[in-house]
Amino acid sequence: MLGNLGNWIRDFKDDSAAAPPDDSAWSQALAGLLVEAAMADGSLDAQERAQISAALEADLHMTSDEVATVIDAAVTAQEGRVEIHSLTRSIRSETDAEDRAAIMEMAWMVVLADGELHEYEAQLMRRLAGLLYVDDIDSGRAQKRARSRLDARLA
């Protein structure tokens, strides 16, 4: 599975990703991380939820009902979560540095989806980078790629 996961994350950059099938633990961890990023400013707005949904539907090939269920579960878990180490630990242990940078790009796309970067979102992204062992340069590059992808979708 880890080989498939690595390939999927690398393919994410080309918008041609197909996640390993039937891996609900992976989709829950990824959704949890993306919801954490979205809710760093205190709310999950429509644009951020749409970005998470788009990532899960297209990149993980989930149905809209599955996506709604996973996002709702991630929101519920986030409300009761006092730490994010459990999310980042599982992702960090199963991926290499390049894959973690791609995951940072996904998270940047969620935080930037509403067109604003709130100070709490920026702080969380710095924490995520540290917890995922993504250096500042790679996180900055992920942010630039995320902005470019979002701008291309709007064009």
C-alpha atoms as a PDB file:
ATOM      1  CA  MET A   1       0.000   0.000   0.000  1.00  0.00           C
ATOM      2  CA  LEU A   2       2.766   2.455   0.818  1.00  0.00           C
ATOM      3  CA  GLY A   3       4.103   2.245  -2.723  1.00  0.00           C
ATOM      4  CA  ASN A   4       0.660   3.050  -4.093  1.00  0.00           C
ATOM      5  CA  LEU A   5       0.258   5.859  -1.580  1.00  0.00           C
ATOM      6  CA  GLY A   6       3.573   7.404  -2.583  1.00  0.00           C
ATOM      7  CA  ASN A   7       2.653   7.227  -6.263  1.00  0.00           C
ATOM      8  CA  TRP A   8      -0.738   8.790  -5.571  1.00  0.00           C
ATOM      9  CA  ILE A   9       0.777  11.712  -3.666  1.00  0.00           C
ATOM     10  CA  ARG A  10       3.355  12.326  -6.382  1.00  0.00           C
ATOM     11  CA  ASP A  11       0.593  12.215  -9.026  1.00  0.00           C
ATOM     12  CA  PHE A  12      -1.383  14.798  -7.010  1.00  0.00           C
ATOM     13  CA  LYS A  13       0.876  17.451  -8.492  1.00  0.00           C
ATOM     14  CA  ASP A  14      -0.423  16.573 -11.968  1.00  0.00           C
ATOM     15  CA  ASP A  15      -4.117  16.345 -10.935  1.00  0.00           C
ATOM     16  CA  SER A  16      -4.100  12.704 -12.054  1.00  0.00           C
ATOM     17  CA  ALA A  17      -4.033  11.033  -8.666  1.00  0.00           C
ATOM     18  CA  ALA A  18      -5.895   7.846  -7.836  1.00  0.00           C
ATOM     19  CA  ALA A  19      -5.654   6.919  -4.167  1.00  0.00           C
ATOM     20  CA  PRO A  20      -5.099   3.376  -3.026  1.00  0.00           C
ATOM     21  CA  PRO A  21      -8.564   1.762  -3.001  1.00  0.00           C
ATOM     22  CA  ASP A  22     -10.463   0.960   0.201  1.00  0.00           C
ATOM     23  CA  ASP A  23      -8.144   2.811   2.510  1.00  0.00           C
ATOM     24  CA  SER A  24     -10.583   4.573   4.797  1.00  0.00           C
ATOM     25  CA  ALA A  25      -7.954   5.186   7.483  1.00  0.00           C
ATOM     26  CA  TRP A  26      -5.897   7.168   4.971  1.00  0.00           C
ATOM     27  CA  SER A  27      -8.878   9.206   3.767  1.00  0.00           C
ATOM     28  CA  GLN A  28      -9.880   9.928   7.369  1.00  0.00           C
ATOM     29  CA  ALA A  29      -6.367  11.060   8.304  1.00  0.00           C
ATOM     30  CA  LEU A  30      -6.103  13.262   5.225  1.00  0.00           C
ATOM     31  CA  ALA A  31      -9.600  14.705   5.712  1.00  0.00           C
ATOM     32  CA  GLY A  32      -8.812  15.338   9.375  1.00  0.00           C
ATOM     33  CA  LEU A  33      -5.658  17.218   8.481  1.00  0.00           C
ATOM     34  CA  LEU A  34      -7.434  19.284   5.813  1.00  0.00           C
ATOM     35  CA  VAL A  35     -10.311  20.101   8.193  1.00  0.00           C
ATOM     36  CA  GLU A  36      -7.774  21.180  10.833  1.00  0.00           C
ATOM     37  CA  ALA A  37      -6.248  23.523   8.271  1.00  0.00           C
ATOM     38  CA  ALA A  38      -9.644  24.882   7.231  1.00  0.00           C
ATOM     39  CA  MET A  39     -10.856  25.448  10.774  1.00  0.00           C
ATOM     40  CA  ALA A  40      -7.695  27.149  12.016  1.00  0.00           C
ATOM     41  CA  ASP A  41      -9.460  30.502  11.640  1.00  0.00           C
ATOM     42  CA  GLY A  42     -12.419  29.244  13.678  1.00  0.00           C
ATOM     43  CA  SER A  43     -14.784  28.177  10.923  1.00  0.00           C
ATOM     44  CA  LEU A  44     -15.119  25.883   7.956  1.00  0.00           C
ATOM     45  CA  ASP A  45     -16.463  28.172   5.242  1.00  0.00           C
ATOM     46  CA  ALA A  46     -18.041  27.112   1.968  1.00  0.00           C
ATOM     47  CA  GLN A  47     -14.921  27.611  -0.159  1.00  0.00           C
ATOM     48  CA  GLU A  48     -12.742  25.600   2.220  1.00  0.00           C
ATOM     49  CA  ARG A  49     -15.297  22.792   2.438  1.00  0.00           C
ATOM     50  CA  ALA A  50     -15.586  22.801  -1.358  1.00  0.00           C
ATOM     51  CA  GLN A  51     -11.788  22.538  -1.676  1.00  0.00           C
ATOM     52  CA  ILE A  52     -11.681  19.594   0.748  1.00  0.00           C
ATOM     53  CA  SER A  53     -14.573  17.957  -1.101  1.00  0.00           C
ATOM     54  CA  ALA A  54     -12.895  18.459  -4.462  1.00  0.00           C
ATOM     55  CA  ALA A  55      -9.668  16.908  -3.188  1.00  0.00           C
ATOM     56  CA  LEU A  56     -11.417  13.889  -1.708  1.00  0.00           C
ATOM     57  CA  GLU A  57     -13.787  13.351  -4.636  1.00  0.00           C
ATOM     58  CA  ALA A  58     -11.291  13.815  -7.443  1.00  0.00           C
ATOM     59  CA  ASP A  59      -8.034  12.696  -5.905  1.00  0.00           C
ATOM     60  CA  LEU A  60      -9.363   9.866  -3.737  1.00  0.00           C
ATOM     61  CA  HIS A  61     -12.214   8.979  -6.115  1.00  0.00           C
ATOM     62  CA  MET A  62     -14.837   9.158  -3.399  1.00  0.00           C
ATOM     63  CA  THR A  63     -18.532   9.751  -4.031  1.00  0.00           C
ATOM     64  CA  SER A  64     -20.152  12.952  -2.809  1.00  0.00           C
ATOM     65  CA  ASP A  65     -21.978  10.976  -0.092  1.00  0.00           C
ATOM     66  CA  GLU A  66     -18.707   9.416   1.094  1.00  0.00           C
ATOM     67  CA  VAL A  67     -17.049  12.825   1.066  1.00  0.00           C
ATOM     68  CA  ALA A  68     -19.846  14.390   3.101  1.00  0.00           C
ATOM     69  CA  THR A  69     -19.625  11.572   5.646  1.00  0.00           C
ATOM     70  CA  VAL A  70     -15.827  11.784   5.940  1.00  0.00           C
ATOM     71  CA  ILE A  71     -15.846  15.590   6.240  1.00  0.00           C
ATOM     72  CA  ASP A  72     -18.631  15.534   8.844  1.00  0.00           C
ATOM     73  CA  ALA A  73     -16.702  12.919  10.838  1.00  0.00           C
ATOM     74  CA  ALA A  74     -13.513  14.997  10.538  1.00  0.00           C
ATOM     75  CA  VAL A  75     -15.329  18.133  11.740  1.00  0.00           C
ATOM     76  CA  THR A  76     -16.756  16.241  14.718  1.00  0.00           C
ATOM     77  CA  ALA A  77     -13.331  14.801  15.531  1.00  0.00           C
ATOM     78  CA  GLN A  78     -11.729  18.234  15.181  1.00  0.00           C
ATOM     79  CA  GLU A  79     -14.143  19.756  17.677  1.00  0.00           C
ATOM     80  CA  GLY A  80     -13.035  17.218  20.288  1.00  0.00           C
ATOM     81  CA  ARG A  81      -9.358  17.078  19.332  1.00  0.00           C
ATOM     82  CA  VAL A  82      -6.856  18.775  21.598  1.00  0.00           C
ATOM     83  CA  GLU A  83      -3.802  17.872  19.511  1.00  0.00           C
ATOM     84  CA  ILE A  84      -2.892  17.203  15.899  1.00  0.00           C
ATOM     85  CA  HIS A  85       0.084  14.959  16.527  1.00  0.00           C
ATOM     86  CA  SER A  86      -1.929  11.792  15.934  1.00  0.00           C
ATOM     87  CA  LEU A  87      -2.856  12.972  12.433  1.00  0.00           C
ATOM     88  CA  THR A  88       0.616  14.092  11.481  1.00  0.00           C
ATOM     89  CA  ARG A  89       2.363  11.107  13.047  1.00  0.00           C
ATOM     90  CA  SER A  90       0.531   8.583  10.869  1.00  0.00           C
ATOM     91  CA  ILE A  91       1.092  10.656   7.742  1.00  0.00           C
ATOM     92  CA  ARG A  92       4.740  11.322   8.581  1.00  0.00           C
ATOM     93  CA  SER A  93       5.500   7.684   9.295  1.00  0.00           C
ATOM     94  CA  GLU A  94       4.039   6.448   5.990  1.00  0.00           C
ATOM     95  CA  THR A  95       5.412   9.044   3.578  1.00  0.00           C
ATOM     96  CA  ASP A  96       8.721  10.452   2.419  1.00  0.00           C
ATOM     97  CA  ALA A  97       9.723  14.126   2.325  1.00  0.00           C
ATOM     98  CA  GLU A  98       8.455  14.719  -1.219  1.00  0.00           C
ATOM     99  CA  ASP A  99       5.081  13.192  -0.362  1.00  0.00           C
ATOM    100  CA  ARG A 100       4.762  15.297   2.781  1.00  0.00           C
ATOM    101  CA  ALA A 101       5.478  18.437   0.739  1.00  0.00           C
ATOM    102  CA  ALA A 102       2.603  17.461  -1.582  1.00  0.00           C
ATOM    103  CA  ILE A 103       0.331  17.037   1.442  1.00  0.00           C
ATOM    104  CA  MET A 104       1.389  20.505   2.606  1.00  0.00           C
ATOM    105  CA  GLU A 105       0.344  21.784  -0.820  1.00  0.00           C
ATOM    106  CA  MET A 106      -3.091  20.228  -0.336  1.00  0.00           C
ATOM    107  CA  ALA A 107      -3.415  21.901   3.048  1.00  0.00           C
ATOM    108  CA  TRP A 108      -2.265  25.243   1.602  1.00  0.00           C
ATOM    109  CA  MET A 109      -4.961  24.936  -1.073  1.00  0.00           C
ATOM    110  CA  VAL A 110      -7.582  24.542   1.648  1.00  0.00           C
ATOM    111  CA  VAL A 111      -6.366  27.494   3.723  1.00  0.00           C
ATOM    112  CA  LEU A 112      -6.101  29.711   0.672  1.00  0.00           C
ATOM    113  CA  ALA A 113      -9.431  28.611  -0.835  1.00  0.00           C
ATOM    114  CA  ASP A 114     -11.327  31.531   0.700  1.00  0.00           C
ATOM    115  CA  GLY A 115      -8.809  34.037  -0.650  1.00  0.00           C
ATOM    116  CA  GLU A 116      -7.508  35.027   2.787  1.00  0.00           C
ATOM    117  CA  LEU A 117      -4.667  33.805   4.948  1.00  0.00           C
ATOM    118  CA  HIS A 118      -5.695  34.356   8.543  1.00  0.00           C
ATOM    119  CA  GLU A 119      -2.913  34.629  11.113  1.00  0.00           C
ATOM    120  CA  TYR A 120      -4.111  31.442  12.846  1.00  0.00           C
ATOM    121  CA  GLU A 121      -4.021  29.591   9.529  1.00  0.00           C
ATOM    122  CA  ALA A 122      -0.461  30.771   8.889  1.00  0.00           C
ATOM    123  CA  GLN A 123       0.518  29.668  12.386  1.00  0.00           C
ATOM    124  CA  LEU A 124      -1.053  26.234  11.895  1.00  0.00           C
ATOM    125  CA  MET A 125       0.693  25.804   8.553  1.00  0.00           C
ATOM    126  CA  ARG A 126       4.044  26.510  10.239  1.00  0.00           C
ATOM    127  CA  ARG A 127       3.187  23.940  12.917  1.00  0.00           C
ATOM    128  CA  LEU A 128       2.115  21.383  10.306  1.00  0.00           C
ATOM    129  CA  ALA A 129       5.338  21.889   8.406  1.00  0.00           C
ATOM    130  CA  GLY A 130       7.306  21.212  11.570  1.00  0.00           C
ATOM    131  CA  LEU A 131       5.213  18.196  12.563  1.00  0.00           C
ATOM    132  CA  LEU A 132       5.462  16.720   9.056  1.00  0.00           C
ATOM    133  CA  TYR A 133       9.202  17.487   8.878  1.00  0.00           C
ATOM    134  CA  VAL A 134       8.742  19.766   5.863  1.00  0.00           C
ATOM    135  CA  ASP A 135      11.323  22.559   5.897  1.00  0.00           C
ATOM    136  CA  ASP A 136      10.380  26.213   5.413  1.00  0.00           C
ATOM    137  CA  ILE A 137      11.634  26.308   1.826  1.00  0.00           C
ATOM    138  CA  ASP A 138       9.552  23.304   0.758  1.00  0.00           C
ATOM    139  CA  SER A 139       6.516  24.640   2.614  1.00  0.00           C
ATOM    140  CA  GLY A 140       6.935  27.988   0.840  1.00  0.00           C
ATOM    141  CA  ARG A 141       7.176  26.219  -2.497  1.00  0.00           C
ATOM    142  CA  ALA A 142       4.045  24.217  -1.645  1.00  0.00           C
ATOM    143  CA  GLN A 143       2.249  27.462  -0.857  1.00  0.00           C
ATOM    144  CA  LYS A 144       3.270  28.974  -4.203  1.00  0.00           C
ATOM    145  CA  ARG A 145       2.142  25.851  -6.087  1.00  0.00           C
ATOM    146  CA  ALA A 146      -1.176  25.919  -4.226  1.00  0.00           C
ATOM    147  CA  ARG A 147      -1.728  29.573  -5.127  1.00  0.00           C
ATOM    148  CA  SER A 148      -0.911  28.834  -8.770  1.00  0.00           C
ATOM    149  CA  ARG A 149      -3.305  25.880  -8.891  1.00  0.00           C
ATOM    150  CA  LEU A 150      -6.097  27.896  -7.291  1.00  0.00           C
ATOM    151  CA  ASP A 151      -5.488  30.814  -9.670  1.00  0.00           C
ATOM    152  CA  ALA A 152      -5.539  28.419 -12.654  1.00  0.00           C
ATOM    153  CA  ARG A 153      -8.915  27.040 -11.521  1.00  0.00           C
ATOM    154  CA  LEU A 154     -10.337  30.538 -11.310  1.00  0.00           C
ATOM    155  CA  ALA A 155      -9.058  31.506 -14.751  1.00  0.00           C
END
